[in-house]
Every structure is written in C-alpha cells, then in structure tokens.
Amino acid sequence: MSFYDYATLTGNDAMQFLRAAGVTLYITIASLIIGSILGIALGIVRCSKNRAISALPLIIIEPLRNSPLVTQLFLIYYGLPMVSSIMLDPYPAAILAISLNTAAFMAVLVHNSISAIPQGQWEAGLALGHSSTSTFIHVIARQAFRLLIPQAITLYISQLQCSSLVALIGIMDLTKLGQNLALRTLKPFMIYGIVFLIYYILSSPLSKLARDLEKKLSFNY
C-alpha cells in the first residue's frame, strides 16, 4: 500500500469530520454558557458573609468537583430513568452533565477570584460613598473579572476536551467518529491524528483569547 493510499480520505469522510466537529462545538458551547451562568451565581453565593448561606452551594459543588465527569454523565443518562420518569435523549443528557460539571468548577474560580481582592478595596469603595452592592459591581467585580478570565478559559479548554466523553452514550462527536473510522479503515494512527489536530485547532483560539483578554484587562490595583 502506498503512502498516498494510506493518507487519503474520501470527501464523505471529510464532511463527517466537519459535522462531528460541529456536534462537539455545539455541546461544548451550550454547556459552557449554561455552566458559566450557574457557576457565577453559585460562586457569588459562596462569598456571602452568612456562613449558612455560603455553605449551601457546597452541596452541589463538592460532589461534582470530586467525582469523574463520566460517572455524572452515566448517572444522568442511564441512572435517572431507573429511579424516576425522567429519560433524557443523549444530547440533553450530555449538555446537562457538562453544564453541571462546569458550574461546579466555575463557582470555585469565581469565589477564589472575589476572595483574592484585598479588603481595602471594599473599604475604599464604601469610603467613596458606594453602597455594598455598588462597591461590588463597580470596584470588586471588575478586578475579580480580570483574575477570573484566564482561569475560566483554561477551564473551557479542559471542558472542550472532556466533551469527548459524550461518545460513550452514542453521540457522533469527533471522538465517536474517530472510533468508527479507525475500525472501518484500519488506519488508527491517521484517523486519531486527524481527531487530535481538530481538537488542537478548536482549542488554540481559546488559548490566544485568554492571553489577549488578560493583556487588555490588565490594570494595577
């Protein structure tokens, strides 16, 4: 077999890769949007001065942070129908699992970013006549956002890669397509090399965005 024969894919295979990349992006983007909104809300609640209130998000955060995403995915997709009348299709199950997992880690990042702002910044805002809410919005949140951005994008890159687990419940994402094509063509090195390259292409802009935003939002306290 010549190198040309080994390296050639059909036009249909190329289209399948494009569709699979679209599936991966769709699941990842939807999950990151939902997870980020929920995670920011949980993270802000974690910053409450009331210990009872600040502890409530831990009921959700700790189990999700300290268990594998794949078990969370299986619990939602396979487990829920066994204990309730809820039966989700693969796509909603995948988005729900990754969203909840993202929310748990995002909540920790938000909490840590806000907690890292010196107490003097709160005092300065109050001294200037701002209310506690106004101080948080106009002084604390802006500085916490700067700290949060690079960490959040690193999380997003990680979740993009973890989205490959949805192949385990039958979703035709990049990983699942790679498995199918590797079995059909008996060329695993070539097929998984292409999958590797596509994931790299999808992740690289996020890394660049993190660097650019960090420079743009940089300022001195």
Protein backbone atom coordinates (compact mmCIF):
# COMPACT_ATOMS: atom_id res chain seq x y z
CA MET A 1 0.00 0.00 0.00
CA SER A 2 1.43 3.36 -1.00
CA PHE A 3 1.63 6.40 1.29
CA TYR A 4 -0.95 8.10 -0.94
CA ASP A 5 -3.41 5.26 -0.36
CA TYR A 6 -2.73 5.39 3.37
CA ALA A 7 -3.17 9.12 3.69
CA THR A 8 -6.25 9.62 1.50
CA LEU A 9 -9.75 10.14 2.90
CA THR A 10 -12.92 10.37 0.85
CA GLY A 11 -14.91 13.59 0.52
CA ASN A 12 -17.67 11.97 2.57
CA ASP A 13 -15.21 11.26 5.38
CA ALA A 14 -14.11 14.91 5.35
CA MET A 15 -17.74 16.03 5.63
CA GLN A 16 -18.25 13.65 8.53
CA PHE A 17 -15.33 15.25 10.35
CA LEU A 18 -16.88 18.70 9.81
CA ARG A 19 -20.26 17.54 11.11
CA ALA A 20 -18.64 15.84 14.10
CA ALA A 21 -16.66 18.98 14.89
CA GLY A 22 -19.94 20.92 14.75
CA VAL A 23 -21.51 18.49 17.23
CA THR A 24 -18.54 18.83 19.57
CA LEU A 25 -18.72 22.63 19.42
CA TYR A 26 -22.50 22.70 19.87
CA ILE A 27 -22.42 20.55 23.00
CA THR A 28 -19.40 22.38 24.41
CA ILE A 29 -20.66 25.93 23.79
CA ALA A 30 -24.16 25.21 25.10
CA SER A 31 -22.72 23.56 28.21
CA LEU A 32 -20.23 26.35 28.86
CA ILE A 33 -22.88 29.06 28.60
CA ILE A 34 -25.27 27.29 30.96
CA GLY A 35 -22.49 26.17 33.31
CA SER A 36 -20.91 29.61 33.47
CA ILE A 37 -24.17 31.35 34.38
CA LEU A 38 -24.95 28.80 37.07
CA GLY A 39 -21.35 28.76 38.31
CA ILE A 40 -21.15 32.54 38.63
CA ALA A 41 -24.37 32.54 40.65
CA LEU A 42 -23.10 29.77 42.94
CA GLY A 43 -19.73 31.48 43.31
CA ILE A 44 -21.31 34.77 44.37
CA VAL A 45 -23.50 32.98 46.92
CA ARG A 46 -20.34 31.30 48.26
CA CYS A 47 -19.00 34.78 49.03
CA SER A 48 -21.88 35.58 51.38
CA LYS A 49 -20.83 36.66 54.86
CA ASN A 50 -23.59 34.45 56.25
CA ARG A 51 -21.91 31.09 56.82
CA ALA A 52 -25.11 29.09 56.43
CA ILE A 53 -25.88 30.71 53.08
CA SER A 54 -22.28 30.48 51.82
CA ALA A 55 -22.20 26.77 52.63
CA LEU A 56 -25.31 25.91 50.61
CA PRO A 57 -23.59 25.81 47.17
CA LEU A 58 -21.15 23.22 48.53
CA ILE A 59 -23.98 20.68 48.42
CA ILE A 60 -23.76 20.91 44.63
CA ILE A 61 -20.14 21.92 44.13
CA GLU A 62 -18.27 19.32 46.17
CA PRO A 63 -19.86 16.13 44.75
CA LEU A 64 -19.43 17.40 41.19
CA ARG A 65 -15.82 18.51 41.68
CA ASN A 66 -14.78 15.28 43.38
CA SER A 67 -16.24 12.70 41.03
CA PRO A 68 -15.38 11.85 37.40
CA LEU A 69 -17.42 13.57 34.71
CA VAL A 70 -18.05 10.20 33.07
CA THR A 71 -19.90 8.93 36.17
CA GLN A 72 -22.00 12.09 36.23
CA LEU A 73 -22.84 11.57 32.56
CA PHE A 74 -23.84 7.94 33.16
CA LEU A 75 -25.91 8.85 36.22
CA ILE A 76 -27.91 11.36 34.20
CA TYR A 77 -28.27 9.29 31.03
CA TYR A 78 -28.59 5.76 32.44
CA GLY A 79 -29.38 6.34 36.12
CA LEU A 80 -32.24 8.85 36.04
CA PRO A 81 -34.61 6.58 34.06
CA MET A 82 -34.04 3.84 36.66
CA VAL A 83 -35.12 5.97 39.63
CA SER A 84 -37.59 8.39 38.04
CA SER A 85 -39.73 9.01 34.98
CA ILE A 86 -37.06 11.32 33.56
CA MET A 87 -35.49 9.93 30.40
CA LEU A 88 -33.24 12.31 28.51
CA ASP A 89 -32.04 11.93 24.95
CA PRO A 90 -28.24 11.80 24.52
CA TYR A 91 -27.82 15.47 23.59
CA PRO A 92 -29.74 16.97 26.56
CA ALA A 93 -28.10 14.46 28.90
CA ALA A 94 -24.63 15.40 27.66
CA ILE A 95 -25.30 19.14 27.91
CA LEU A 96 -26.78 18.79 31.41
CA ALA A 97 -23.85 16.72 32.68
CA ILE A 98 -21.14 19.01 31.28
CA SER A 99 -23.07 22.13 32.35
CA LEU A 100 -23.30 20.97 35.96
CA ASN A 101 -19.65 19.93 35.98
CA THR A 102 -18.61 23.29 34.52
CA ALA A 103 -20.75 25.14 37.06
CA ALA A 104 -19.02 23.41 39.98
CA PHE A 105 -15.54 24.41 38.84
CA MET A 106 -16.63 27.88 37.73
CA ALA A 107 -18.15 28.52 41.15
CA VAL A 108 -14.81 27.79 42.80
CA LEU A 109 -12.97 30.10 40.37
CA VAL A 110 -15.47 32.91 40.97
CA HIS A 111 -15.28 32.51 44.73
CA ASN A 112 -11.47 32.46 44.71
CA SER A 113 -11.26 35.48 42.39
CA ILE A 114 -13.57 37.58 44.55
CA SER A 115 -11.87 36.45 47.77
CA ALA A 116 -8.47 37.42 46.35
CA ILE A 117 -9.41 41.11 46.16
CA PRO A 118 -7.93 42.94 49.17
CA GLN A 119 -10.35 44.04 51.87
CA GLY A 120 -9.05 47.55 51.39
CA GLN A 121 -10.80 47.72 48.03
CA TRP A 122 -14.16 47.21 49.76
CA GLU A 123 -13.30 49.87 52.30
CA ALA A 124 -12.22 52.29 49.58
CA GLY A 125 -15.48 51.83 47.69
CA LEU A 126 -17.56 52.40 50.81
CA ALA A 127 -15.46 55.46 51.71
CA LEU A 128 -16.26 56.94 48.29
CA GLY A 129 -19.97 56.73 49.04
CA HIS A 130 -20.82 53.49 47.25
CA SER A 131 -23.23 51.04 48.80
CA SER A 132 -22.08 47.45 49.35
CA THR A 133 -23.80 46.39 46.12
CA SER A 134 -22.37 49.30 44.16
CA THR A 135 -18.90 48.63 45.55
CA PHE A 136 -19.13 45.02 44.45
CA ILE A 137 -20.31 45.90 40.93
CA HIS A 138 -18.04 48.86 40.22
CA VAL A 139 -14.92 48.01 42.23
CA ILE A 140 -14.68 44.36 43.25
CA ALA A 141 -16.30 42.62 40.28
CA ARG A 142 -14.10 44.40 37.73
CA GLN A 143 -10.91 43.33 39.49
CA ALA A 144 -12.20 39.81 40.14
CA PHE A 145 -13.14 39.52 36.47
CA ARG A 146 -9.55 40.19 35.48
CA LEU A 147 -8.38 37.37 37.73
CA LEU A 148 -11.16 35.07 36.57
CA ILE A 149 -10.73 35.37 32.80
CA PRO A 150 -7.57 33.31 32.19
CA GLN A 151 -8.65 30.65 34.68
CA ALA A 152 -12.11 30.41 33.15
CA ILE A 153 -10.77 30.00 29.63
CA THR A 154 -8.40 27.28 30.84
CA LEU A 155 -11.48 25.57 32.28
CA TYR A 156 -13.29 25.98 28.96
CA ILE A 157 -10.41 24.31 27.09
CA SER A 158 -10.49 21.44 29.56
CA GLN A 159 -14.26 21.03 29.16
CA LEU A 160 -13.93 21.06 25.37
CA GLN A 161 -11.57 18.13 25.68
CA CYS A 162 -13.77 16.38 28.25
CA SER A 163 -16.71 16.65 25.86
CA SER A 164 -15.17 13.65 24.09
CA LEU A 165 -16.82 11.53 26.80
CA VAL A 166 -20.20 12.03 25.14
CA ALA A 167 -19.11 9.41 22.62
CA LEU A 168 -19.80 6.86 25.37
CA ILE A 169 -23.55 7.50 25.13
CA GLY A 170 -23.61 7.25 21.35
CA ILE A 171 -23.28 10.88 20.25
CA MET A 172 -21.42 11.19 16.96
CA ASP A 173 -18.85 13.73 18.07
CA LEU A 174 -15.20 13.83 16.96
CA THR A 175 -14.13 11.00 19.24
CA LYS A 176 -17.00 8.70 18.27
CA LEU A 177 -16.41 9.37 14.59
CA GLY A 178 -12.72 8.66 15.09
CA GLN A 179 -13.55 5.31 16.65
CA ASN A 180 -15.87 4.39 13.76
CA LEU A 181 -13.46 5.47 11.02
CA ALA A 182 -10.50 3.77 12.70
CA LEU A 183 -12.42 0.48 12.75
CA ARG A 184 -13.57 0.90 9.15
CA THR A 185 -10.29 1.98 7.61
CA LEU A 186 -7.92 0.10 9.95
CA LYS A 187 -5.81 3.29 10.00
CA PRO A 188 -6.00 4.36 13.66
CA PHE A 189 -2.83 6.48 13.60
CA MET A 190 -4.07 8.57 10.70
CA ILE A 191 -7.66 8.87 11.97
CA TYR A 192 -6.80 9.72 15.56
CA GLY A 193 -4.10 12.05 14.30
CA ILE A 194 -6.81 13.99 12.44
CA VAL A 195 -9.02 13.99 15.55
CA PHE A 196 -6.06 15.25 17.59
CA LEU A 197 -5.43 18.03 15.07
CA ILE A 198 -9.06 19.16 15.02
CA TYR A 199 -9.21 19.36 18.82
CA TYR A 200 -5.99 21.37 18.73
CA ILE A 201 -7.43 23.76 16.13
CA LEU A 202 -10.58 24.21 18.22
CA SER A 203 -8.65 24.81 21.45
CA SER A 204 -5.93 27.14 20.16
CA PRO A 205 -8.16 30.22 19.65
CA LEU A 206 -9.30 29.93 23.28
CA SER A 207 -5.70 29.96 24.48
CA LYS A 208 -4.96 33.03 22.37
CA LEU A 209 -8.15 34.70 23.60
CA ALA A 210 -7.09 34.14 27.21
CA ARG A 211 -3.75 35.82 26.59
CA ASP A 212 -5.27 38.73 24.67
CA LEU A 213 -8.00 39.41 27.23
CA GLU A 214 -5.55 39.22 30.10
CA LYS A 215 -3.43 41.93 28.44
CA LYS A 216 -6.46 44.05 27.57
CA LEU A 217 -7.97 43.87 31.03
CA SER A 218 -4.72 44.26 32.93
CA PHE A 219 -4.52 47.14 35.35
CA ASN A 220 -2.90 47.94 38.65
CA TYR A 221 -4.84 47.73 41.87
